[in-house]
Amino acid sequence: MKNILLTASVLFFNFSFSQVSGNINYRNQVQYSDVNISIATPAANENLISVKGLANVKAEHYVAIFSVTQTGGSAEEVNQLMDQRIYSALDRIRLNKSIGIYVDMISFVPVYQYLAEKKTFSKKTYNEVPAGFELKKNIHLKFTDPSQLNDFISVLSKNEIYDLVRVDYFAGSMENIRKELMNRARLALQEKIKNLESLLGESFAAAGKSISDGYRTSLPTEMYKSYEAYNSSSLALNKFTNVTQASKSITSYYQPILDKEFDFVINPVIHEPVIQVMYEIKLTVNREKEKTREAAAVQPVKETNRYILVTPNGEIKDLSLLTKP
């Protein structure tokens, strides 16, 4: 009876865990980094102090890019069909005055096909001949509300425009965010210095120091990953058995930078793709240089010999030869 209860408990725990963590863990396809802290042994009389900060910034503007391709038998036909598709859709989108629209010309090239030339006493020859033209353009749409993207897709799809190339994210507060990261990192660095001075029982005021810092920005477009979640049966099949594999669904999801390795996080809770700005500052304190300077400043000067000089005029002068230890 105890074994049955134990088995049921384990099964229930596994089921509950899979529901909380999500299907990305279903087939152990996601590799997570080591969560243990690894601290290197410090060098003698040298300390490295590091502070890392992360800011999650909500985008204020978005730009969606849709690709349009049109083919036709002549240049006039291609341009007419392309304009009909694009401007029929854009006329409806322009009803919202807040939407920015730009049509980008990508390419306009001839299209060729092969025609077989029949010969009586030789093999067929295939000749490449013009068959029409291909025109490509991109539509750039600037907007402020991410829910408007659904409206764009609905309007554009009615004009056979389906290819959403990418969505770019922009925020006007990036300069202020960088300043806030720097100020908070400076305060955290000062706190770490005080804590280290307290542990060592000495001051770093006169120690040799070097410092470096830098930023890194990650956009949502760069942070999407994919996985497959499925379960296949295990059958003992011989090598002559024909097996038809089913198409497996591939899921994409937004994977932001986790905040587990940062000293502080600005706007830690996010529920939508955001712009992530990281800042790190490193300070190296060399206490050996401080001790060398102190030793040089404290060295005593002592008198080793004393000489008296009598001048021809009968004057007596005291001469001392001073040497350092």
C-alpha atoms as a PDB file:
ATOM      1  CA  MET A   1       0.000   0.000   0.000  1.00  0.00           C
ATOM      2  CA  LYS A   2       2.864   2.379   0.871  1.00  0.00           C
ATOM      3  CA  ASN A   3       4.544   1.666  -2.475  1.00  0.00           C
ATOM      4  CA  ILE A   4       1.325   2.482  -4.359  1.00  0.00           C
ATOM      5  CA  LEU A   5       0.954   5.798  -2.512  1.00  0.00           C
ATOM      6  CA  LEU A   6       4.592   6.665  -3.127  1.00  0.00           C
ATOM      7  CA  THR A   7       4.293   5.944  -6.856  1.00  0.00           C
ATOM      8  CA  ALA A   8       1.121   8.003  -7.109  1.00  0.00           C
ATOM      9  CA  SER A   9       2.807  10.895  -5.313  1.00  0.00           C
ATOM     10  CA  VAL A  10       5.773  10.837  -7.692  1.00  0.00           C
ATOM     11  CA  LEU A  11       3.514  10.754 -10.732  1.00  0.00           C
ATOM     12  CA  PHE A  12       1.447  13.638  -9.387  1.00  0.00           C
ATOM     13  CA  PHE A  13       4.587  15.673  -8.669  1.00  0.00           C
ATOM     14  CA  ASN A  14       5.931  15.134 -12.176  1.00  0.00           C
ATOM     15  CA  PHE A  15       2.626  16.099 -13.751  1.00  0.00           C
ATOM     16  CA  SER A  16       2.337  19.248 -11.627  1.00  0.00           C
ATOM     17  CA  PHE A  17       5.884  20.291 -12.420  1.00  0.00           C
ATOM     18  CA  SER A  18       5.347  19.960 -16.156  1.00  0.00           C
ATOM     19  CA  GLN A  19       2.298  22.191 -15.958  1.00  0.00           C
ATOM     20  CA  VAL A  20       4.153  24.937 -14.082  1.00  0.00           C
ATOM     21  CA  SER A  21       7.407  24.911 -16.066  1.00  0.00           C
ATOM     22  CA  GLY A  22       5.809  24.580 -19.512  1.00  0.00           C
ATOM     23  CA  ASN A  23       6.210  22.164 -22.402  1.00  0.00           C
ATOM     24  CA  ILE A  24       9.757  23.323 -23.212  1.00  0.00           C
ATOM     25  CA  ASN A  25      10.987  20.848 -20.584  1.00  0.00           C
ATOM     26  CA  TYR A  26       8.925  17.952 -21.951  1.00  0.00           C
ATOM     27  CA  ARG A  27      11.743  16.231 -23.847  1.00  0.00           C
ATOM     28  CA  ASN A  28      14.707  17.813 -22.048  1.00  0.00           C
ATOM     29  CA  GLN A  29      15.584  19.841 -25.145  1.00  0.00           C
ATOM     30  CA  VAL A  30      16.272  23.082 -23.263  1.00  0.00           C
ATOM     31  CA  GLN A  31      19.695  23.491 -21.705  1.00  0.00           C
ATOM     32  CA  TYR A  32      19.853  25.748 -18.677  1.00  0.00           C
ATOM     33  CA  SER A  33      23.082  27.282 -17.450  1.00  0.00           C
ATOM     34  CA  ASP A  34      24.635  26.222 -14.150  1.00  0.00           C
ATOM     35  CA  VAL A  35      22.927  27.985 -11.253  1.00  0.00           C
ATOM     36  CA  ASN A  36      25.846  27.554  -8.862  1.00  0.00           C
ATOM     37  CA  ILE A  37      28.038  30.529  -8.049  1.00  0.00           C
ATOM     38  CA  SER A  38      31.672  29.970  -9.040  1.00  0.00           C
ATOM     39  CA  ILE A  39      34.086  32.337  -7.315  1.00  0.00           C
ATOM     40  CA  ALA A  40      37.750  32.270  -8.350  1.00  0.00           C
ATOM     41  CA  THR A  41      40.488  32.428  -5.710  1.00  0.00           C
ATOM     42  CA  PRO A  42      41.591  36.079  -5.388  1.00  0.00           C
ATOM     43  CA  ALA A  43      45.171  37.023  -6.208  1.00  0.00           C
ATOM     44  CA  ALA A  44      47.415  38.108  -3.346  1.00  0.00           C
ATOM     45  CA  ASN A  45      46.809  41.767  -2.372  1.00  0.00           C
ATOM     46  CA  GLU A  46      44.389  42.219  -5.289  1.00  0.00           C
ATOM     47  CA  ASN A  47      40.587  42.367  -5.318  1.00  0.00           C
ATOM     48  CA  LEU A  48      38.131  42.476  -8.223  1.00  0.00           C
ATOM     49  CA  ILE A  49      34.755  44.066  -7.469  1.00  0.00           C
ATOM     50  CA  SER A  50      31.987  43.731 -10.076  1.00  0.00           C
ATOM     51  CA  VAL A  51      28.433  45.106 -10.243  1.00  0.00           C
ATOM     52  CA  LYS A  52      25.903  44.079 -12.920  1.00  0.00           C
ATOM     53  CA  GLY A  53      22.559  45.741 -13.550  1.00  0.00           C
ATOM     54  CA  LEU A  54      19.622  44.961 -15.863  1.00  0.00           C
ATOM     55  CA  ALA A  55      16.806  47.219 -17.064  1.00  0.00           C
ATOM     56  CA  ASN A  56      13.639  45.946 -18.769  1.00  0.00           C
ATOM     57  CA  VAL A  57      12.359  48.752 -20.998  1.00  0.00           C
ATOM     58  CA  LYS A  58       8.885  48.718 -22.545  1.00  0.00           C
ATOM     59  CA  ALA A  59       8.924  49.765 -26.185  1.00  0.00           C
ATOM     60  CA  GLU A  60       7.201  53.033 -27.107  1.00  0.00           C
ATOM     61  CA  HIS A  61       7.208  52.599 -30.893  1.00  0.00           C
ATOM     62  CA  TYR A  62       7.119  49.607 -33.220  1.00  0.00           C
ATOM     63  CA  VAL A  63       7.924  49.128 -36.910  1.00  0.00           C
ATOM     64  CA  ALA A  64       6.480  46.106 -38.724  1.00  0.00           C
ATOM     65  CA  ILE A  65       7.878  45.115 -42.130  1.00  0.00           C
ATOM     66  CA  PHE A  66       5.767  43.164 -44.627  1.00  0.00           C
ATOM     67  CA  SER A  67       7.221  41.770 -47.861  1.00  0.00           C
ATOM     68  CA  VAL A  68       5.258  41.815 -51.138  1.00  0.00           C
ATOM     69  CA  THR A  69       6.191  39.911 -54.318  1.00  0.00           C
ATOM     70  CA  GLN A  70       4.458  40.288 -57.696  1.00  0.00           C
ATOM     71  CA  THR A  71       5.137  38.635 -61.044  1.00  0.00           C
ATOM     72  CA  GLY A  72       3.740  39.447 -64.484  1.00  0.00           C
ATOM     73  CA  GLY A  73       4.270  39.116 -68.200  1.00  0.00           C
ATOM     74  CA  SER A  74       5.334  42.727 -68.729  1.00  0.00           C
ATOM     75  CA  ALA A  75       6.714  45.628 -66.699  1.00  0.00           C
ATOM     76  CA  GLU A  76       3.420  47.516 -66.979  1.00  0.00           C
ATOM     77  CA  GLU A  77       1.420  44.524 -65.781  1.00  0.00           C
ATOM     78  CA  VAL A  78       3.702  43.893 -62.791  1.00  0.00           C
ATOM     79  CA  ASN A  79       3.546  47.515 -61.619  1.00  0.00           C
ATOM     80  CA  GLN A  80      -0.221  47.701 -62.075  1.00  0.00           C
ATOM     81  CA  LEU A  81      -0.875  44.511 -60.091  1.00  0.00           C
ATOM     82  CA  MET A  82       1.587  45.541 -57.327  1.00  0.00           C
ATOM     83  CA  ASP A  83       0.067  49.018 -56.943  1.00  0.00           C
ATOM     84  CA  GLN A  84      -3.416  47.562 -56.842  1.00  0.00           C
ATOM     85  CA  ARG A  85      -2.506  45.198 -53.976  1.00  0.00           C
ATOM     86  CA  ILE A  86      -0.457  47.662 -51.936  1.00  0.00           C
ATOM     87  CA  TYR A  87      -2.481  50.856 -52.206  1.00  0.00           C
ATOM     88  CA  SER A  88      -5.811  49.119 -51.768  1.00  0.00           C
ATOM     89  CA  ALA A  89      -4.582  47.977 -48.353  1.00  0.00           C
ATOM     90  CA  LEU A  90      -2.731  51.175 -47.419  1.00  0.00           C
ATOM     91  CA  ASP A  91      -5.772  53.352 -48.152  1.00  0.00           C
ATOM     92  CA  ARG A  92      -7.564  51.585 -45.311  1.00  0.00           C
ATOM     93  CA  ILE A  93      -4.568  51.745 -42.962  1.00  0.00           C
ATOM     94  CA  ARG A  94      -4.143  55.500 -43.633  1.00  0.00           C
ATOM     95  CA  LEU A  95      -7.518  56.111 -42.017  1.00  0.00           C
ATOM     96  CA  ASN A  96      -5.605  55.988 -38.741  1.00  0.00           C
ATOM     97  CA  LYS A  97      -3.528  59.184 -38.889  1.00  0.00           C
ATOM     98  CA  SER A  98      -1.107  57.988 -36.199  1.00  0.00           C
ATOM     99  CA  ILE A  99       0.286  55.192 -38.412  1.00  0.00           C
ATOM    100  CA  GLY A 100       3.514  55.910 -40.270  1.00  0.00           C
ATOM    101  CA  ILE A 101       3.755  54.283 -43.718  1.00  0.00           C
ATOM    102  CA  TYR A 102       6.744  53.801 -46.003  1.00  0.00           C
ATOM    103  CA  VAL A 103       6.993  51.608 -49.113  1.00  0.00           C
ATOM    104  CA  ASP A 104      10.522  50.376 -49.792  1.00  0.00           C
ATOM    105  CA  MET A 105      11.548  49.320 -53.306  1.00  0.00           C
ATOM    106  CA  ILE A 106      13.573  46.063 -53.081  1.00  0.00           C
ATOM    107  CA  SER A 107      14.085  44.634 -56.577  1.00  0.00           C
ATOM    108  CA  PHE A 108      12.707  44.595 -60.121  1.00  0.00           C
ATOM    109  CA  VAL A 109      14.222  41.831 -62.257  1.00  0.00           C
ATOM    110  CA  PRO A 110      13.308  39.824 -65.361  1.00  0.00           C
ATOM    111  CA  VAL A 111      12.238  36.198 -64.967  1.00  0.00           C
ATOM    112  CA  TYR A 112      13.475  33.512 -67.372  1.00  0.00           C
ATOM    113  CA  GLN A 113      12.292  30.074 -68.400  1.00  0.00           C
ATOM    114  CA  TYR A 114      13.723  27.271 -70.539  1.00  0.00           C
ATOM    115  CA  LEU A 115      12.417  26.321 -74.011  1.00  0.00           C
ATOM    116  CA  ALA A 116      13.453  23.106 -75.702  1.00  0.00           C
ATOM    117  CA  GLU A 117      14.811  23.358 -79.233  1.00  0.00           C
ATOM    118  CA  LYS A 118      14.134  20.159 -81.213  1.00  0.00           C
ATOM    119  CA  LYS A 119      16.758  18.946 -83.653  1.00  0.00           C
ATOM    120  CA  THR A 120      16.520  15.999 -85.986  1.00  0.00           C
ATOM    121  CA  PHE A 121      19.962  14.496 -85.642  1.00  0.00           C
ATOM    122  CA  SER A 122      21.072  15.724 -82.181  1.00  0.00           C
ATOM    123  CA  LYS A 123      19.903  15.973 -78.596  1.00  0.00           C
ATOM    124  CA  LYS A 124      17.463  18.627 -77.436  1.00  0.00           C
ATOM    125  CA  THR A 125      18.895  22.051 -76.621  1.00  0.00           C
ATOM    126  CA  TYR A 126      17.303  24.134 -73.860  1.00  0.00           C
ATOM    127  CA  ASN A 127      17.410  27.878 -74.338  1.00  0.00           C
ATOM    128  CA  GLU A 128      16.778  30.426 -71.590  1.00  0.00           C
ATOM    129  CA  VAL A 129      14.256  33.069 -72.707  1.00  0.00           C
ATOM    130  CA  PRO A 130      12.524  35.981 -70.894  1.00  0.00           C
ATOM    131  CA  ALA A 131       9.189  35.000 -69.363  1.00  0.00           C
ATOM    132  CA  GLY A 132       8.181  38.146 -67.498  1.00  0.00           C
ATOM    133  CA  PHE A 133       9.201  40.271 -64.536  1.00  0.00           C
ATOM    134  CA  GLU A 134       9.345  39.967 -60.766  1.00  0.00           C
ATOM    135  CA  LEU A 135       8.827  42.999 -58.506  1.00  0.00           C
ATOM    136  CA  LYS A 136       9.504  43.050 -54.729  1.00  0.00           C
ATOM    137  CA  LYS A 137       8.616  45.770 -52.258  1.00  0.00           C
ATOM    138  CA  ASN A 138       8.496  46.078 -48.475  1.00  0.00           C
ATOM    139  CA  ILE A 139       5.839  47.905 -46.502  1.00  0.00           C
ATOM    140  CA  HIS A 140       7.048  49.604 -43.285  1.00  0.00           C
ATOM    141  CA  LEU A 141       4.351  50.421 -40.718  1.00  0.00           C
ATOM    142  CA  LYS A 142       5.173  52.498 -37.618  1.00  0.00           C
ATOM    143  CA  PHE A 143       2.727  52.273 -34.705  1.00  0.00           C
ATOM    144  CA  THR A 144       2.541  52.680 -30.928  1.00  0.00           C
ATOM    145  CA  ASP A 145      -0.002  50.068 -29.835  1.00  0.00           C
ATOM    146  CA  PRO A 146       1.136  46.440 -30.355  1.00  0.00           C
ATOM    147  CA  SER A 147      -2.481  45.307 -30.705  1.00  0.00           C
ATOM    148  CA  GLN A 148      -2.682  47.262 -33.980  1.00  0.00           C
ATOM    149  CA  LEU A 149      -0.528  44.611 -35.625  1.00  0.00           C
ATOM    150  CA  ASN A 150      -3.569  42.296 -35.754  1.00  0.00           C
ATOM    151  CA  ASP A 151      -5.491  44.968 -37.672  1.00  0.00           C
ATOM    152  CA  PHE A 152      -2.641  45.341 -40.177  1.00  0.00           C
ATOM    153  CA  ILE A 153      -2.502  41.603 -40.796  1.00  0.00           C
ATOM    154  CA  SER A 154      -6.268  41.468 -41.348  1.00  0.00           C
ATOM    155  CA  VAL A 155      -6.201  44.295 -43.900  1.00  0.00           C
ATOM    156  CA  LEU A 156      -3.060  43.177 -45.731  1.00  0.00           C
ATOM    157  CA  SER A 157      -4.104  39.522 -45.973  1.00  0.00           C
ATOM    158  CA  LYS A 158      -7.224  40.536 -47.899  1.00  0.00           C
ATOM    159  CA  ASN A 159      -4.827  41.838 -50.551  1.00  0.00           C
ATOM    160  CA  GLU A 160      -2.702  38.654 -50.527  1.00  0.00           C
ATOM    161  CA  ILE A 161       0.081  40.187 -48.414  1.00  0.00           C
ATOM    162  CA  TYR A 162       1.048  37.598 -45.799  1.00  0.00           C
ATOM    163  CA  ASP A 163       4.812  37.784 -45.243  1.00  0.00           C
ATOM    164  CA  LEU A 164       5.561  39.560 -41.939  1.00  0.00           C
ATOM    165  CA  VAL A 165       9.355  39.891 -42.103  1.00  0.00           C
ATOM    166  CA  ARG A 166      10.070  41.338 -38.651  1.00  0.00           C
ATOM    167  CA  VAL A 167       8.936  43.740 -35.947  1.00  0.00           C
ATOM    168  CA  ASP A 168      11.433  46.237 -34.526  1.00  0.00           C
ATOM    169  CA  TYR A 169      11.133  47.803 -31.054  1.00  0.00           C
ATOM    170  CA  PHE A 170      12.130  51.370 -30.101  1.00  0.00           C
ATOM    171  CA  ALA A 171      12.199  53.334 -26.849  1.00  0.00           C
ATOM    172  CA  GLY A 172      12.938  57.045 -26.469  1.00  0.00           C
ATOM    173  CA  SER A 173      14.055  56.737 -22.846  1.00  0.00           C
ATOM    174  CA  MET A 174      17.233  54.735 -23.498  1.00  0.00           C
ATOM    175  CA  GLU A 175      19.578  57.566 -22.496  1.00  0.00           C
ATOM    176  CA  ASN A 176      17.817  58.033 -19.141  1.00  0.00           C
ATOM    177  CA  ILE A 177      17.817  54.271 -18.572  1.00  0.00           C
ATOM    178  CA  ARG A 178      21.582  54.111 -19.101  1.00  0.00           C
ATOM    179  CA  LYS A 179      22.110  56.965 -16.651  1.00  0.00           C
ATOM    180  CA  GLU A 180      19.916  55.246 -14.058  1.00  0.00           C
ATOM    181  CA  LEU A 181      21.823  51.984 -14.500  1.00  0.00           C
ATOM    182  CA  MET A 182      25.128  53.799 -14.034  1.00  0.00           C
ATOM    183  CA  ASN A 183      23.974  55.653 -10.889  1.00  0.00           C
ATOM    184  CA  ARG A 184      22.567  52.547  -9.242  1.00  0.00           C
ATOM    185  CA  ALA A 185      25.675  50.550 -10.137  1.00  0.00           C
ATOM    186  CA  ARG A 186      27.870  53.264  -8.591  1.00  0.00           C
ATOM    187  CA  LEU A 187      25.947  53.071  -5.304  1.00  0.00           C
ATOM    188  CA  ALA A 188      26.111  49.265  -5.302  1.00  0.00           C
ATOM    189  CA  LEU A 189      29.864  49.396  -6.019  1.00  0.00           C
ATOM    190  CA  GLN A 190      30.471  51.774  -3.117  1.00  0.00           C
ATOM    191  CA  GLU A 191      28.523  49.453  -0.837  1.00  0.00           C
ATOM    192  CA  LYS A 192      30.631  46.475  -1.929  1.00  0.00           C
ATOM    193  CA  ILE A 193      33.849  48.443  -1.357  1.00  0.00           C
ATOM    194  CA  LYS A 194      32.787  49.332   2.193  1.00  0.00           C
ATOM    195  CA  ASN A 195      31.874  45.716   2.898  1.00  0.00           C
ATOM    196  CA  LEU A 196      35.230  44.456   1.602  1.00  0.00           C
ATOM    197  CA  GLU A 197      37.153  47.079   3.594  1.00  0.00           C
ATOM    198  CA  SER A 198      35.286  45.979   6.698  1.00  0.00           C
ATOM    199  CA  LEU A 199      36.131  42.309   6.076  1.00  0.00           C
ATOM    200  CA  LEU A 200      39.841  43.041   5.509  1.00  0.00           C
ATOM    201  CA  GLY A 201      40.106  45.680   8.215  1.00  0.00           C
ATOM    202  CA  GLU A 202      41.849  48.197   5.957  1.00  0.00           C
ATOM    203  CA  SER A 203      41.074  51.140   3.676  1.00  0.00           C
ATOM    204  CA  PHE A 204      41.401  51.190  -0.106  1.00  0.00           C
ATOM    205  CA  ALA A 205      41.744  54.979  -0.268  1.00  0.00           C
ATOM    206  CA  ALA A 206      45.452  54.924  -1.204  1.00  0.00           C
ATOM    207  CA  ALA A 207      45.418  51.592  -3.087  1.00  0.00           C
ATOM    208  CA  GLY A 208      46.070  51.336  -6.824  1.00  0.00           C
ATOM    209  CA  LYS A 209      42.809  51.095  -8.785  1.00  0.00           C
ATOM    210  CA  SER A 210      41.660  50.463 -12.356  1.00  0.00           C
ATOM    211  CA  ILE A 211      38.086  50.522 -13.603  1.00  0.00           C
ATOM    212  CA  SER A 212      36.148  49.488 -16.730  1.00  0.00           C
ATOM    213  CA  ASP A 213      32.469  49.429 -17.676  1.00  0.00           C
ATOM    214  CA  GLY A 214      30.168  48.777 -20.619  1.00  0.00           C
ATOM    215  CA  TYR A 215      26.592  48.383 -21.877  1.00  0.00           C
ATOM    216  CA  ARG A 216      24.813  45.723 -23.904  1.00  0.00           C
ATOM    217  CA  THR A 217      21.302  45.907 -25.395  1.00  0.00           C
ATOM    218  CA  SER A 218      19.129  42.942 -26.435  1.00  0.00           C
ATOM    219  CA  LEU A 219      16.085  43.473 -28.654  1.00  0.00           C
ATOM    220  CA  PRO A 220      13.042  41.160 -28.624  1.00  0.00           C
ATOM    221  CA  THR A 221      13.667  40.219 -32.277  1.00  0.00           C
ATOM    222  CA  GLU A 222      16.903  38.529 -31.189  1.00  0.00           C
ATOM    223  CA  MET A 223      15.442  36.637 -28.225  1.00  0.00           C
ATOM    224  CA  TYR A 224      12.995  34.135 -29.763  1.00  0.00           C
ATOM    225  CA  LYS A 225      13.705  30.406 -29.536  1.00  0.00           C
ATOM    226  CA  SER A 226      11.916  27.292 -30.776  1.00  0.00           C
ATOM    227  CA  TYR A 227      11.249  23.755 -29.580  1.00  0.00           C
ATOM    228  CA  GLU A 228       9.287  20.597 -30.426  1.00  0.00           C
ATOM    229  CA  ALA A 229       7.062  18.892 -27.863  1.00  0.00           C
ATOM    230  CA  TYR A 230       5.787  15.411 -28.788  1.00  0.00           C
ATOM    231  CA  ASN A 231       5.828  11.801 -27.678  1.00  0.00           C
ATOM    232  CA  SER A 232       6.451   8.940 -30.136  1.00  0.00           C
ATOM    233  CA  SER A 233       5.684   5.289 -29.510  1.00  0.00           C
ATOM    234  CA  SER A 234       8.524   2.804 -29.130  1.00  0.00           C
ATOM    235  CA  LEU A 235       7.804  -0.253 -31.263  1.00  0.00           C
ATOM    236  CA  ALA A 236      10.043  -3.222 -32.043  1.00  0.00           C
ATOM    237  CA  LEU A 237      10.001  -2.899 -35.823  1.00  0.00           C
ATOM    238  CA  ASN A 238      12.132  -4.825 -38.283  1.00  0.00           C
ATOM    239  CA  LYS A 239      14.186  -3.080 -40.924  1.00  0.00           C
ATOM    240  CA  PHE A 240      11.704  -3.903 -43.680  1.00  0.00           C
ATOM    241  CA  THR A 241       8.822  -2.029 -42.017  1.00  0.00           C
ATOM    242  CA  ASN A 242       7.684   1.171 -43.690  1.00  0.00           C
ATOM    243  CA  VAL A 243       7.209   4.001 -41.185  1.00  0.00           C
ATOM    244  CA  THR A 244       5.672   7.338 -42.129  1.00  0.00           C
ATOM    245  CA  GLN A 245       6.670  10.090 -39.733  1.00  0.00           C
ATOM    246  CA  ALA A 246       4.053  12.691 -38.844  1.00  0.00           C
ATOM    247  CA  SER A 247       4.927  16.349 -39.130  1.00  0.00           C
ATOM    248  CA  LYS A 248       5.829  17.734 -35.684  1.00  0.00           C
ATOM    249  CA  SER A 249       4.734  21.182 -34.652  1.00  0.00           C
ATOM    250  CA  ILE A 250       7.539  23.634 -33.856  1.00  0.00           C
ATOM    251  CA  THR A 251       6.706  26.303 -31.302  1.00  0.00           C
ATOM    252  CA  SER A 252       8.478  29.653 -30.978  1.00  0.00           C
ATOM    253  CA  TYR A 253       8.551  31.591 -27.736  1.00  0.00           C
ATOM    254  CA  TYR A 254      10.122  34.730 -26.309  1.00  0.00           C
ATOM    255  CA  GLN A 255      13.023  33.970 -23.967  1.00  0.00           C
ATOM    256  CA  PRO A 256      14.269  37.108 -22.164  1.00  0.00           C
ATOM    257  CA  ILE A 257      17.560  37.355 -20.323  1.00  0.00           C
ATOM    258  CA  LEU A 258      16.987  35.945 -16.836  1.00  0.00           C
ATOM    259  CA  ASP A 259      17.709  38.285 -13.938  1.00  0.00           C
ATOM    260  CA  LYS A 260      19.343  35.695 -11.666  1.00  0.00           C
ATOM    261  CA  GLU A 261      22.924  36.946 -12.170  1.00  0.00           C
ATOM    262  CA  PHE A 262      22.401  40.687 -11.621  1.00  0.00           C
ATOM    263  CA  ASP A 263      22.945  42.806  -8.522  1.00  0.00           C
ATOM    264  CA  PHE A 264      19.838  44.877  -9.257  1.00  0.00           C
ATOM    265  CA  VAL A 265      17.026  44.932 -11.843  1.00  0.00           C
ATOM    266  CA  ILE A 266      14.949  47.891 -13.006  1.00  0.00           C
ATOM    267  CA  ASN A 267      11.340  46.842 -13.812  1.00  0.00           C
ATOM    268  CA  PRO A 268      11.897  43.171 -12.901  1.00  0.00           C
ATOM    269  CA  VAL A 269       8.399  41.846 -13.729  1.00  0.00           C
ATOM    270  CA  ILE A 270       7.667  41.648 -17.467  1.00  0.00           C
ATOM    271  CA  HIS A 271       4.698  40.119 -19.286  1.00  0.00           C
ATOM    272  CA  GLU A 272       5.522  41.154 -22.849  1.00  0.00           C
ATOM    273  CA  PRO A 273       8.655  41.334 -25.029  1.00  0.00           C
ATOM    274  CA  VAL A 274      10.833  44.234 -23.862  1.00  0.00           C
ATOM    275  CA  ILE A 275      14.134  45.905 -24.683  1.00  0.00           C
ATOM    276  CA  GLN A 276      16.746  44.705 -22.167  1.00  0.00           C
ATOM    277  CA  VAL A 277      19.718  46.899 -21.299  1.00  0.00           C
ATOM    278  CA  MET A 278      22.613  45.463 -19.277  1.00  0.00           C
ATOM    279  CA  TYR A 279      25.377  47.408 -17.572  1.00  0.00           C
ATOM    280  CA  GLU A 280      28.470  46.104 -15.807  1.00  0.00           C
ATOM    281  CA  ILE A 281      31.247  47.932 -13.982  1.00  0.00           C
ATOM    282  CA  LYS A 282      34.446  46.268 -12.745  1.00  0.00           C
ATOM    283  CA  LEU A 283      36.906  47.733 -10.234  1.00  0.00           C
ATOM    284  CA  THR A 284      40.337  46.201  -9.575  1.00  0.00           C
ATOM    285  CA  VAL A 285      41.987  47.174  -6.266  1.00  0.00           C
ATOM    286  CA  ASN A 286      45.736  46.509  -5.970  1.00  0.00           C
ATOM    287  CA  ARG A 287      46.628  46.716  -2.272  1.00  0.00           C
ATOM    288  CA  GLU A 288      50.275  45.782  -2.936  1.00  0.00           C
ATOM    289  CA  LYS A 289      50.947  49.202  -4.506  1.00  0.00           C
ATOM    290  CA  GLU A 290      49.494  50.891  -1.431  1.00  0.00           C
ATOM    291  CA  LYS A 291      51.899  49.010   0.871  1.00  0.00           C
ATOM    292  CA  THR A 292      54.873  49.789  -1.381  1.00  0.00           C
ATOM    293  CA  ARG A 293      54.130  53.520  -1.290  1.00  0.00           C
ATOM    294  CA  GLU A 294      53.662  53.473   2.476  1.00  0.00           C
ATOM    295  CA  ALA A 295      56.987  51.711   2.990  1.00  0.00           C
ATOM    296  CA  ALA A 296      58.796  54.210   0.772  1.00  0.00           C
ATOM    297  CA  ALA A 297      57.285  57.181   2.620  1.00  0.00           C
ATOM    298  CA  VAL A 298      58.206  55.889   6.094  1.00  0.00           C
ATOM    299  CA  GLN A 299      61.881  55.095   5.419  1.00  0.00           C
ATOM    300  CA  PRO A 300      64.062  56.937   8.049  1.00  0.00           C
ATOM    301  CA  VAL A 301      67.110  59.007   7.288  1.00  0.00           C
ATOM    302  CA  LYS A 302      69.978  58.583   9.736  1.00  0.00           C
ATOM    303  CA  GLU A 303      73.324  60.223  10.222  1.00  0.00           C
ATOM    304  CA  THR A 304      76.253  57.839  10.014  1.00  0.00           C
ATOM    305  CA  ASN A 305      79.395  60.058  10.059  1.00  0.00           C
ATOM    306  CA  ARG A 306      80.291  63.571  11.220  1.00  0.00           C
ATOM    307  CA  TYR A 307      83.092  65.711   9.841  1.00  0.00           C
ATOM    308  CA  ILE A 308      84.445  69.176  10.770  1.00  0.00           C
ATOM    309  CA  LEU A 309      86.080  71.421   8.173  1.00  0.00           C
ATOM    310  CA  VAL A 310      88.524  74.187   9.200  1.00  0.00           C
ATOM    311  CA  THR A 311      88.872  76.846   6.508  1.00  0.00           C
ATOM    312  CA  PRO A 312      92.134  78.799   5.852  1.00  0.00           C
ATOM    313  CA  ASN A 313      90.501  81.767   7.576  1.00  0.00           C
ATOM    314  CA  GLY A 314      90.069  79.739  10.743  1.00  0.00           C
ATOM    315  CA  GLU A 315      86.339  79.168  10.382  1.00  0.00           C
ATOM    316  CA  ILE A 316      84.928  75.860  11.564  1.00  0.00           C
ATOM    317  CA  LYS A 317      82.145  74.209   9.497  1.00  0.00           C
ATOM    318  CA  ASP A 318      80.174  71.102  10.486  1.00  0.00           C
ATOM    319  CA  LEU A 319      79.810  68.604   7.602  1.00  0.00           C
ATOM    320  CA  SER A 320      77.455  65.585   7.939  1.00  0.00           C
ATOM    321  CA  LEU A 321      77.237  62.671   5.466  1.00  0.00           C
ATOM    322  CA  LEU A 322      73.659  61.444   5.384  1.00  0.00           C
ATOM    323  CA  THR A 323      72.744  58.030   4.040  1.00  0.00           C
ATOM    324  CA  LYS A 324      69.464  56.152   3.764  1.00  0.00           C
ATOM    325  CA  PRO A 325      69.157  52.612   5.158  1.00  0.00           C
END
